[in-house]
């Protein structure tokens, strides 16, 4: 199970890396060196920094709000598909029950 970090830890870690990013040749190199100091996984830190860059407009990609909306919509679609399947199965059941040829 992944660790849960507080928003304060996340924002401090991202700002720490962003302030020092110009000293490294890549985001990965910066995160690989700074992650142990911040007690965060290097890939977790890299994803946070990339998402912060996307949210600020420095990089292209879906923003945090868009990702949250996509997640909510996927959940809603899944719920609706399940409800639709239940309705289909109940329609089949009642059609069989009402079939006059069965009696």
C-alpha atoms as a PDB file:
ATOM      1  CA  UNK A   1       0.000   0.000   0.000  1.00  0.00           C
ATOM      2  CA  UNK A   2       1.414   3.406  -0.945  1.00  0.00           C
ATOM      3  CA  UNK A   3       2.382   5.880   1.729  1.00  0.00           C
ATOM      4  CA  UNK A   4       0.091   8.818   2.307  1.00  0.00           C
ATOM      5  CA  UNK A   5       1.839  12.180   2.498  1.00  0.00           C
ATOM      6  CA  UNK A   6       0.256  15.323   3.868  1.00  0.00           C
ATOM      7  CA  UNK A   7      -0.296  18.197   1.431  1.00  0.00           C
ATOM      8  CA  UNK A   8       2.221  20.268   3.436  1.00  0.00           C
ATOM      9  CA  UNK A   9       4.968  17.652   3.005  1.00  0.00           C
ATOM     10  CA  UNK A  10       4.169  17.369  -0.687  1.00  0.00           C
ATOM     11  CA  UNK A  11       4.197  21.122  -1.339  1.00  0.00           C
ATOM     12  CA  UNK A  12       7.402  21.645   0.676  1.00  0.00           C
ATOM     13  CA  UNK A  13       9.152  18.832  -1.184  1.00  0.00           C
ATOM     14  CA  UNK A  14       8.040  20.145  -4.582  1.00  0.00           C
ATOM     15  CA  UNK A  15       9.115  23.712  -3.829  1.00  0.00           C
ATOM     16  CA  UNK A  16      12.457  22.434  -2.489  1.00  0.00           C
ATOM     17  CA  UNK A  17      13.127  20.594  -5.760  1.00  0.00           C
ATOM     18  CA  UNK A  18      11.792  23.398  -7.982  1.00  0.00           C
ATOM     19  CA  UNK A  19      14.081  25.947  -6.283  1.00  0.00           C
ATOM     20  CA  UNK A  20      17.133  23.777  -6.992  1.00  0.00           C
ATOM     21  CA  UNK A  21      16.132  22.277 -10.354  1.00  0.00           C
ATOM     22  CA  UNK A  22      18.501  24.479 -12.366  1.00  0.00           C
ATOM     23  CA  UNK A  23      21.499  22.799 -10.673  1.00  0.00           C
ATOM     24  CA  UNK A  24      20.696  19.421 -12.259  1.00  0.00           C
ATOM     25  CA  UNK A  25      20.632  18.179 -15.817  1.00  0.00           C
ATOM     26  CA  UNK A  26      17.204  16.551 -15.422  1.00  0.00           C
ATOM     27  CA  UNK A  27      14.238  16.305 -13.105  1.00  0.00           C
ATOM     28  CA  UNK A  28      15.071  12.658 -12.514  1.00  0.00           C
ATOM     29  CA  UNK A  29      18.619  13.497 -11.393  1.00  0.00           C
ATOM     30  CA  UNK A  30      17.347  16.190  -9.039  1.00  0.00           C
ATOM     31  CA  UNK A  31      14.693  13.917  -7.538  1.00  0.00           C
ATOM     32  CA  UNK A  32      17.075  10.962  -7.235  1.00  0.00           C
ATOM     33  CA  UNK A  33      19.459  13.057  -5.148  1.00  0.00           C
ATOM     34  CA  UNK A  34      16.922  14.986  -3.073  1.00  0.00           C
ATOM     35  CA  UNK A  35      14.349  12.246  -2.376  1.00  0.00           C
ATOM     36  CA  UNK A  36      16.356  10.498   0.383  1.00  0.00           C
ATOM     37  CA  UNK A  37      16.900  13.862   2.112  1.00  0.00           C
ATOM     38  CA  UNK A  38      13.151  14.488   2.047  1.00  0.00           C
ATOM     39  CA  UNK A  39      12.265  10.910   3.068  1.00  0.00           C
ATOM     40  CA  UNK A  40      10.172  10.458  -0.090  1.00  0.00           C
ATOM     41  CA  UNK A  41      10.518   7.964  -2.932  1.00  0.00           C
ATOM     42  CA  UNK A  42      12.378   9.380  -5.923  1.00  0.00           C
ATOM     43  CA  UNK A  43       9.665   8.377  -8.414  1.00  0.00           C
ATOM     44  CA  UNK A  44       6.957   9.822  -6.163  1.00  0.00           C
ATOM     45  CA  UNK A  45       8.869  13.080  -5.914  1.00  0.00           C
ATOM     46  CA  UNK A  46       9.468  13.156  -9.686  1.00  0.00           C
ATOM     47  CA  UNK A  47       5.741  12.684 -10.386  1.00  0.00           C
ATOM     48  CA  UNK A  48       4.880  15.476  -7.930  1.00  0.00           C
ATOM     49  CA  UNK A  49       7.342  17.858  -9.597  1.00  0.00           C
ATOM     50  CA  UNK A  50       6.123  17.016 -13.103  1.00  0.00           C
ATOM     51  CA  UNK A  51       2.494  17.511 -12.022  1.00  0.00           C
ATOM     52  CA  UNK A  52       3.408  20.841 -10.406  1.00  0.00           C
ATOM     53  CA  UNK A  53       4.992  21.929 -13.688  1.00  0.00           C
ATOM     54  CA  UNK A  54       1.859  20.893 -15.586  1.00  0.00           C
ATOM     55  CA  UNK A  55      -0.381  22.755 -13.126  1.00  0.00           C
ATOM     56  CA  UNK A  56       1.737  25.900 -13.466  1.00  0.00           C
ATOM     57  CA  UNK A  57       1.623  25.738 -17.269  1.00  0.00           C
ATOM     58  CA  UNK A  58       5.341  25.080 -17.728  1.00  0.00           C
ATOM     59  CA  UNK A  59       4.625  21.654 -19.189  1.00  0.00           C
ATOM     60  CA  UNK A  60       1.779  20.190 -21.225  1.00  0.00           C
ATOM     61  CA  UNK A  61      -0.557  17.545 -19.889  1.00  0.00           C
ATOM     62  CA  UNK A  62      -3.741  17.160 -17.872  1.00  0.00           C
ATOM     63  CA  UNK A  63      -3.886  19.372 -14.795  1.00  0.00           C
ATOM     64  CA  UNK A  64      -4.677  18.073 -11.324  1.00  0.00           C
ATOM     65  CA  UNK A  65      -8.265  19.312 -11.643  1.00  0.00           C
ATOM     66  CA  UNK A  66      -8.675  17.572 -14.998  1.00  0.00           C
ATOM     67  CA  UNK A  67      -7.246  14.343 -13.589  1.00  0.00           C
ATOM     68  CA  UNK A  68      -9.666  14.510 -10.641  1.00  0.00           C
ATOM     69  CA  UNK A  69     -12.562  15.109 -13.037  1.00  0.00           C
ATOM     70  CA  UNK A  70     -11.482  12.190 -15.243  1.00  0.00           C
ATOM     71  CA  UNK A  71     -11.302   9.930 -12.186  1.00  0.00           C
ATOM     72  CA  UNK A  72     -14.765  10.993 -11.036  1.00  0.00           C
ATOM     73  CA  UNK A  73     -16.217  10.481 -14.511  1.00  0.00           C
ATOM     74  CA  UNK A  74     -14.659   7.027 -14.827  1.00  0.00           C
ATOM     75  CA  UNK A  75     -16.191   6.080 -11.486  1.00  0.00           C
ATOM     76  CA  UNK A  76     -19.588   7.378 -12.595  1.00  0.00           C
ATOM     77  CA  UNK A  77     -19.360   5.456 -15.891  1.00  0.00           C
ATOM     78  CA  UNK A  78     -18.523   2.274 -13.996  1.00  0.00           C
ATOM     79  CA  UNK A  79     -21.518   2.755 -11.677  1.00  0.00           C
ATOM     80  CA  UNK A  80     -23.831   3.436 -14.612  1.00  0.00           C
ATOM     81  CA  UNK A  81     -22.569   0.382 -16.503  1.00  0.00           C
ATOM     82  CA  UNK A  82     -23.214  -1.794 -13.435  1.00  0.00           C
ATOM     83  CA  UNK A  83     -26.714  -0.365 -13.048  1.00  0.00           C
ATOM     84  CA  UNK A  84     -27.371  -0.905 -16.751  1.00  0.00           C
ATOM     85  CA  UNK A  85     -26.282  -4.543 -16.484  1.00  0.00           C
ATOM     86  CA  UNK A  86     -28.584  -5.084 -13.483  1.00  0.00           C
ATOM     87  CA  UNK A  87     -31.489  -3.587 -15.432  1.00  0.00           C
ATOM     88  CA  UNK A  88     -30.745  -5.815 -18.433  1.00  0.00           C
ATOM     89  CA  UNK A  89     -30.645  -8.926 -16.277  1.00  0.00           C
ATOM     90  CA  UNK A  90     -33.870  -8.005 -14.491  1.00  0.00           C
ATOM     91  CA  UNK A  91     -35.606  -7.334 -17.831  1.00  0.00           C
ATOM     92  CA  UNK A  92     -34.544 -10.787 -19.044  1.00  0.00           C
ATOM     93  CA  UNK A  93     -35.769 -12.378 -15.811  1.00  0.00           C
ATOM     94  CA  UNK A  94     -39.181 -10.714 -15.928  1.00  0.00           C
ATOM     95  CA  UNK A  95     -39.577 -11.415 -19.648  1.00  0.00           C
ATOM     96  CA  UNK A  96     -39.103 -15.107 -18.891  1.00  0.00           C
ATOM     97  CA  UNK A  97     -41.555 -14.958 -15.995  1.00  0.00           C
ATOM     98  CA  UNK A  98     -44.230 -13.325 -18.128  1.00  0.00           C
ATOM     99  CA  UNK A  99     -43.717 -15.613 -21.134  1.00  0.00           C
ATOM    100  CA  UNK A 100     -47.036 -17.427 -21.650  1.00  0.00           C
ATOM    101  CA  UNK A 101     -45.313 -20.403 -23.298  1.00  0.00           C
ATOM    102  CA  UNK A 102     -43.606 -21.312 -20.007  1.00  0.00           C
ATOM    103  CA  UNK A 103     -46.855 -22.221 -18.235  1.00  0.00           C
END
